[in-house]
Protein backbone atom coordinates (compact mmCIF):
# COMPACT_ATOMS: atom_id res chain seq x y z
CA MET A 1 9.92 20.94 59.57
CA PRO A 2 12.54 19.29 57.28
CA LYS A 3 10.47 15.99 57.28
CA ARG A 4 7.20 17.86 56.54
CA PHE A 5 9.17 19.43 53.62
CA ASN A 6 10.62 16.04 52.52
CA ARG A 7 6.88 14.44 52.63
CA VAL A 8 5.47 17.43 50.37
CA SER A 9 8.39 17.30 47.90
CA LEU A 10 8.21 13.45 47.46
CA HIS A 11 4.36 13.93 46.96
CA SER A 12 5.04 16.67 44.36
CA GLN A 13 7.33 14.54 42.61
CA LYS A 14 5.00 11.73 42.54
CA ASN A 15 2.13 13.74 41.09
CA LYS A 16 4.97 15.28 38.38
CA ALA A 17 5.70 11.76 37.30
CA LEU A 18 2.47 10.61 37.16
CA ALA A 19 1.38 13.79 34.78
CA ARG A 20 4.00 12.79 32.72
CA SER A 21 2.99 9.19 32.45
CA LYS A 22 -0.41 10.13 31.32
CA SER A 23 0.94 12.97 29.14
CA SER A 24 2.98 10.23 27.38
CA THR A 25 0.52 7.80 27.19
CA THR A 26 -2.12 10.20 25.61
CA ASN A 27 1.06 11.50 22.97
CA HIS A 28 1.35 7.71 22.03
CA SER A 29 -2.08 7.25 21.51
CA VAL A 30 -2.51 10.16 19.30
CA ILE A 31 0.62 9.40 17.37
CA SER A 32 -0.66 5.96 17.09
CA ASP A 33 -4.36 6.75 15.72
CA PHE A 34 -2.67 9.16 13.39
CA LYS A 35 -0.56 6.21 12.12
CA GLU A 36 -3.47 4.10 11.82
CA ILE A 37 -5.88 6.08 10.00
CA THR A 38 -3.23 6.99 7.50
CA LYS A 39 -2.12 3.23 7.43
CA MET A 40 1.54 4.60 7.83
CA GLY A 41 3.10 1.07 7.05
CA LEU A 42 1.04 0.93 3.81
CA ALA A 43 2.02 4.30 3.01
CA LEU A 44 5.65 3.56 3.06
CA SER A 45 5.52 0.66 1.07
CA VAL A 46 3.83 2.54 -1.88
CA VAL A 47 6.52 5.64 -1.38
CA PHE A 48 9.13 2.93 -1.84
CA SER A 49 7.32 1.88 -5.06
CA SER A 50 7.39 5.47 -6.25
CA LEU A 51 10.83 6.20 -5.45
CA ALA A 52 11.99 2.48 -7.32
CA GLY A 53 10.05 3.94 -10.14
CA TYR A 54 11.94 7.21 -10.31
CA LEU A 55 15.41 5.99 -9.97
CA LEU A 56 14.17 3.72 -13.05
CA GLY A 57 13.27 6.78 -14.93
CA VAL A 58 15.97 9.39 -14.32
CA ASP A 59 19.34 10.03 -15.97
CA THR A 60 20.69 12.16 -12.95
CA VAL A 61 19.25 11.62 -9.66
CA ASP A 62 17.76 15.02 -8.09
CA PHE A 63 17.20 14.51 -4.35
CA LYS A 64 14.87 17.31 -4.13
CA THR A 65 12.39 15.87 -6.28
CA LEU A 66 13.23 12.44 -4.65
CA VAL A 67 12.11 13.96 -1.48
CA LEU A 68 9.13 15.78 -2.91
CA LEU A 69 7.92 12.50 -4.33
CA ALA A 70 8.39 10.55 -1.27
CA LEU A 71 6.17 13.36 0.60
CA GLY A 72 3.61 13.87 -2.23
CA GLY A 73 3.19 10.01 -2.05
CA TYR A 74 2.84 9.77 1.39
CA PHE A 75 0.06 12.35 1.64
CA MET A 76 -1.62 10.87 -1.59
CA VAL A 77 -1.88 7.43 0.41
CA GLY A 78 -2.61 8.84 3.66
CA ALA A 79 -5.54 10.74 2.52
CA SER A 80 -7.05 7.60 0.23
CA ASN A 81 -6.77 5.56 3.72
CA ALA A 82 -8.36 8.11 5.99
CA PHE A 83 -11.42 8.61 3.37
CA ASN A 84 -11.51 5.02 3.14
CA GLN A 85 -11.87 4.47 6.94
CA ILE A 86 -14.60 7.39 7.25
CA ILE A 87 -16.77 5.88 4.44
CA GLU A 88 -16.26 2.27 5.94
CA LYS A 89 -16.64 3.17 9.89
CA ASP A 90 -19.74 1.38 10.55
CA LEU A 91 -18.42 -1.90 8.59
CA ASP A 92 -15.16 -1.76 10.59
CA ALA A 93 -16.88 -1.90 13.75
CA LEU A 94 -18.33 -5.37 12.60
CA MET A 95 -15.05 -7.04 11.89
CA GLU A 96 -12.33 -8.24 14.18
CA ARG A 97 -9.36 -6.83 12.32
CA THR A 98 -10.89 -3.36 12.21
CA LYS A 99 -13.08 -2.65 15.08
CA ASN A 100 -10.24 -1.19 17.10
CA ARG A 101 -9.50 1.64 14.35
CA PRO A 102 -9.76 5.01 15.51
CA ILE A 103 -12.91 5.95 14.16
CA PRO A 104 -15.16 2.79 15.08
CA SER A 105 -13.55 2.68 18.42
CA GLY A 106 -14.36 6.08 19.19
CA ARG A 107 -10.67 7.44 19.75
CA MET A 108 -11.15 9.83 16.57
CA SER A 109 -14.14 11.68 15.36
CA VAL A 110 -15.42 11.61 11.75
CA THR A 111 -14.64 15.29 11.39
CA THR A 112 -10.89 14.90 12.71
CA ALA A 113 -10.38 12.08 10.30
CA PHE A 114 -11.94 14.20 7.56
CA VAL A 115 -9.78 17.12 7.90
CA ILE A 116 -6.47 14.98 7.86
CA ALA A 117 -7.86 13.29 4.94
CA SER A 118 -8.66 16.85 3.30
CA ILE A 119 -5.33 18.14 4.33
CA PHE A 120 -3.57 15.38 3.24
CA THR A 121 -5.08 15.47 -0.01
CA LEU A 122 -4.04 19.24 -0.87
CA LEU A 123 -0.73 18.59 0.35
CA GLY A 124 -0.15 15.35 -1.57
CA ILE A 125 -1.54 17.39 -5.07
CA ILE A 126 0.26 20.73 -4.52
CA ILE A 127 3.69 18.69 -3.83
CA LEU A 128 3.16 16.17 -6.73
CA TYR A 129 2.35 19.23 -8.86
CA THR A 130 5.47 21.32 -7.91
CA ILE A 131 7.25 18.00 -9.67
CA ASN A 132 5.13 18.18 -12.80
CA LYS A 133 1.55 18.09 -13.86
CA GLN A 134 1.39 14.69 -14.99
CA THR A 135 2.51 13.39 -11.70
CA ALA A 136 -0.19 15.52 -9.88
CA MET A 137 -2.95 14.35 -12.23
CA PHE A 138 -2.25 10.59 -11.43
CA GLY A 139 -2.03 11.04 -7.83
CA ALA A 140 -5.49 12.85 -8.10
CA ILE A 141 -6.85 9.86 -10.25
CA SER A 142 -5.40 7.37 -7.44
CA ILE A 143 -7.30 9.25 -4.67
CA PHE A 144 -10.30 9.46 -6.68
CA LEU A 145 -10.66 5.85 -7.82
CA TYR A 146 -9.99 4.39 -4.41
CA THR A 147 -12.14 6.45 -2.35
CA CYS A 148 -15.06 7.07 -4.70
CA VAL A 149 -14.98 4.04 -7.07
CA TYR A 150 -13.04 1.05 -5.34
CA THR A 151 -14.27 1.62 -1.60
CA PRO A 152 -18.28 1.57 -2.32
CA LEU A 153 -17.74 -1.34 -4.88
CA LYS A 154 -16.01 -3.68 -2.03
CA THR A 155 -19.38 -4.54 -0.82
CA LYS A 156 -21.19 -4.90 -3.98
CA THR A 157 -18.98 -6.88 -6.10
CA PRO A 158 -15.73 -8.85 -6.35
CA LEU A 159 -14.68 -6.51 -9.20
CA ALA A 160 -13.88 -4.34 -6.84
CA VAL A 161 -10.54 -5.44 -6.81
CA PHE A 162 -10.20 -5.08 -10.48
CA VAL A 163 -10.76 -1.36 -9.85
CA GLY A 164 -8.53 -1.22 -6.78
CA ALA A 165 -5.67 -2.56 -8.53
CA ILE A 166 -5.41 0.53 -10.58
CA PRO A 167 -4.79 2.94 -8.00
CA GLY A 168 -2.64 0.08 -6.30
CA ALA A 169 -0.76 -0.04 -9.64
CA ILE A 170 -0.16 3.57 -10.14
CA PRO A 171 2.80 4.38 -7.67
CA PHE A 172 5.63 2.49 -9.20
CA MET A 173 4.55 4.20 -12.76
CA LEU A 174 4.15 7.50 -10.71
CA GLY A 175 7.94 7.65 -10.14
CA TRP A 176 8.95 7.23 -13.84
CA VAL A 177 6.35 10.40 -14.70
CA ALA A 178 7.91 12.39 -12.11
CA ALA A 179 11.44 11.54 -13.45
CA THR A 180 10.55 12.06 -17.03
CA ASP A 181 7.30 14.01 -17.20
CA ASP A 182 6.16 11.40 -19.93
CA PHE A 183 3.98 8.48 -20.19
CA GLY A 184 4.75 5.73 -22.63
CA ILE A 185 5.76 2.08 -22.73
CA GLU A 186 8.04 2.09 -19.90
CA PRO A 187 5.52 3.44 -17.03
CA GLY A 188 3.11 1.46 -18.56
CA THR A 189 4.93 -1.63 -18.20
CA LEU A 190 5.63 -0.95 -14.74
CA PHE A 191 2.06 -0.17 -14.14
CA ALA A 192 1.16 -3.63 -15.79
CA LEU A 193 3.60 -5.34 -13.38
CA GLN A 194 2.19 -4.34 -10.20
CA PHE A 195 -1.49 -4.30 -11.81
CA PHE A 196 -1.40 -7.86 -12.09
CA TRP A 197 0.29 -8.46 -9.11
CA GLN A 198 -2.31 -7.05 -7.03
CA PHE A 199 -4.65 -10.02 -7.79
CA PRO A 200 -2.71 -13.04 -5.80
CA HIS A 201 -1.87 -10.62 -3.05
CA PHE A 202 -5.17 -9.36 -2.52
CA TRP A 203 -7.14 -12.44 -3.20
CA ALA A 204 -4.40 -14.17 -0.43
CA ILE A 205 -5.67 -11.85 2.12
CA GLY A 206 -9.56 -11.99 1.09
CA TRP A 207 -8.88 -15.92 1.54
CA PHE A 208 -7.38 -16.07 4.85
CA LEU A 209 -9.74 -13.11 6.10
CA TYR A 210 -12.77 -14.60 4.35
CA GLU A 211 -14.96 -14.94 7.68
CA ASP A 212 -13.95 -11.51 8.83
CA TYR A 213 -14.56 -9.76 5.34
CA LYS A 214 -17.95 -11.55 5.49
CA ARG A 215 -18.85 -10.08 8.67
CA GLY A 216 -18.60 -6.66 7.06
CA GLY A 217 -20.32 -7.67 3.94
CA PHE A 218 -17.16 -7.20 1.62
CA PHE A 219 -16.86 -9.33 -1.48
CA MET A 220 -12.96 -9.88 -2.15
CA LEU A 221 -12.51 -13.11 -3.76
CA PRO A 222 -13.55 -13.41 -7.51
CA THR A 223 -15.76 -16.71 -7.04
CA GLY A 224 -16.85 -15.09 -3.62
CA LYS A 225 -15.77 -18.25 -2.19
CA GLN A 226 -12.52 -20.23 -0.72
CA ASP A 227 -12.97 -22.46 -3.55
CA LYS A 228 -10.83 -24.24 -6.71
CA GLY A 229 -12.04 -21.58 -8.88
CA THR A 230 -10.61 -18.52 -6.72
CA ALA A 231 -7.36 -20.66 -6.29
CA VAL A 232 -6.96 -20.97 -10.27
CA GLN A 233 -7.69 -17.56 -11.04
CA THR A 234 -4.76 -16.55 -8.44
CA ILE A 235 -2.14 -18.72 -10.15
CA MET A 236 -3.39 -17.33 -13.56
CA TYR A 237 -2.54 -13.78 -12.40
CA CYS A 238 0.50 -14.96 -10.72
CA ILE A 239 1.83 -16.18 -14.18
CA TRP A 240 0.93 -12.99 -15.86
CA THR A 241 2.67 -11.18 -12.84
CA VAL A 242 5.81 -13.20 -13.87
CA LEU A 243 5.62 -12.91 -17.68
CA VAL A 244 5.13 -8.92 -17.59
CA SER A 245 8.24 -8.58 -15.04
CA ILE A 246 10.51 -10.17 -17.61
CA ILE A 247 9.38 -8.45 -20.70
CA PRO A 248 12.17 -5.69 -20.55
CA VAL A 249 14.79 -7.96 -21.44
CA PHE A 250 13.43 -8.58 -25.15
CA GLY A 251 14.06 -4.82 -25.71
CA ILE A 252 10.52 -4.03 -26.59
CA THR A 253 9.76 -1.72 -23.48
CA GLY A 254 11.81 1.32 -24.73
CA THR A 255 14.36 3.00 -22.30
CA LEU A 256 13.13 0.49 -19.73
CA LYS A 257 15.48 -2.47 -19.91
CA LEU A 258 16.71 -5.43 -18.09
CA SER A 259 19.76 -7.41 -18.46
CA ILE A 260 19.63 -11.29 -19.07
CA VAL A 261 20.90 -12.19 -15.58
CA ALA A 262 18.67 -9.77 -14.06
CA ALA A 263 15.86 -11.34 -16.11
CA ILE A 264 16.63 -14.70 -14.76
CA ILE A 265 16.62 -13.39 -11.26
CA VAL A 266 13.39 -11.71 -11.67
CA PHE A 267 12.15 -15.00 -13.26
CA ILE A 268 13.23 -17.29 -10.09
CA ILE A 269 11.59 -14.97 -7.71
CA GLY A 270 8.20 -15.09 -9.65
CA LEU A 271 8.50 -18.81 -9.60
CA VAL A 272 8.41 -18.57 -5.66
CA MET A 273 5.42 -16.67 -5.48
CA LEU A 274 3.75 -18.99 -8.26
CA TYR A 275 4.81 -22.12 -5.94
CA TYR A 276 2.63 -20.59 -3.04
CA ALA A 277 0.02 -20.01 -5.28
CA ILE A 278 -0.22 -23.41 -6.49
CA ARG A 279 0.51 -24.74 -3.03
CA LEU A 280 -2.98 -22.52 -1.90
CA PHE A 281 -4.69 -24.58 -5.12
CA ASN A 282 -3.63 -27.83 -3.41
CA GLU A 283 -3.96 -27.04 0.43
CA MET A 284 -6.92 -24.67 0.21
CA THR A 285 -6.17 -23.52 3.78
CA GLU A 286 -5.77 -20.07 5.31
CA LYS A 287 -2.29 -20.79 6.31
CA ALA A 288 -1.22 -21.50 2.75
CA ALA A 289 -3.01 -18.20 1.64
CA LYS A 290 -1.03 -16.31 4.46
CA GLN A 291 2.35 -17.61 2.81
CA LEU A 292 1.10 -16.65 -0.45
CA MET A 293 0.46 -13.36 0.73
CA LEU A 294 3.73 -12.91 2.59
CA SER A 295 5.46 -14.31 -0.73
CA SER A 296 3.71 -11.59 -2.69
CA VAL A 297 4.95 -9.02 -0.77
CA ILE A 298 8.68 -9.95 -0.73
CA TYR A 299 8.32 -10.47 -4.28
CA ILE A 300 7.07 -6.89 -5.44
CA THR A 301 9.82 -5.46 -3.26
CA LEU A 302 12.64 -7.64 -4.21
CA ILE A 303 11.46 -6.99 -8.05
CA GLN A 304 11.64 -3.34 -7.79
CA ILE A 305 15.17 -3.70 -6.11
CA VAL A 306 16.80 -5.97 -8.64
CA TYR A 307 15.15 -3.61 -11.48
CA VAL A 308 16.97 -0.48 -9.90
CA ILE A 309 20.26 -2.33 -9.17
CA ASP A 310 20.36 -3.66 -12.59
CA LYS A 311 19.97 -0.29 -14.26
CA PHE A 312 22.51 1.45 -12.44
CA ILE A 313 25.29 -1.73 -12.67
CA SER A 314 24.32 -2.51 -16.44
């Protein structure tokens, strides 16, 4: 009798362990799909930009507003990404990079994704509205441009990148507006900095993913090809980005200021990105494009950190 009990007990324990394992796998899959449909990594980087803009604009940090801005910004970007993946589901299925996303892989229905996107849109705008009306307005504009203009244009013209650069540049500016409830030269400068930065960043991505984008019918490079023309324009926009980044040192951007030391640091960081853009022109390789993309991500992150630190120690 004891032996029979032990065998039954062992069998029961194995079944429970198997059930727990299956449950864990299922939960992990749901969580992973949720992260992917909202592009959590990208959303967090956008939140970082918004918080940097807020710290630059505020006199006294209000942690409640900081949390609301982080949540509202995350929902805003998550909604845009979910709508984007709904619209591009058939094209995503054609590309290696995106064919395993939740919708084209069949793990998530369009209805589920639409519900997530709609809820995120409402939550994002409502939360940003509690900060101030202008912040909510710019958040709504960002979602609209990304979803209704940028996404459809990607398969029609390289000018889509210019349109996409607008919502991409809003977060840095959004933080300042959240802090001041005002739009002027200061948030305009932050917007210009991140706007010009978008081009070398996305053209670098468009370069090393050229063949994959081609399978999906996307036009991302300004000339439509991996050629000298694209490389030259990438260099030009790197130069514009670097120039805009040091404008605050001249005292012409209102209360947005930059010390000489910080401006020199910002300029040197910009030269590093420009170096990789020139390297892309010389080498014309996917490896060089990946290096430029990585340097552009490091650039925008460091610039925002330097701006914030300089404000609080100057």
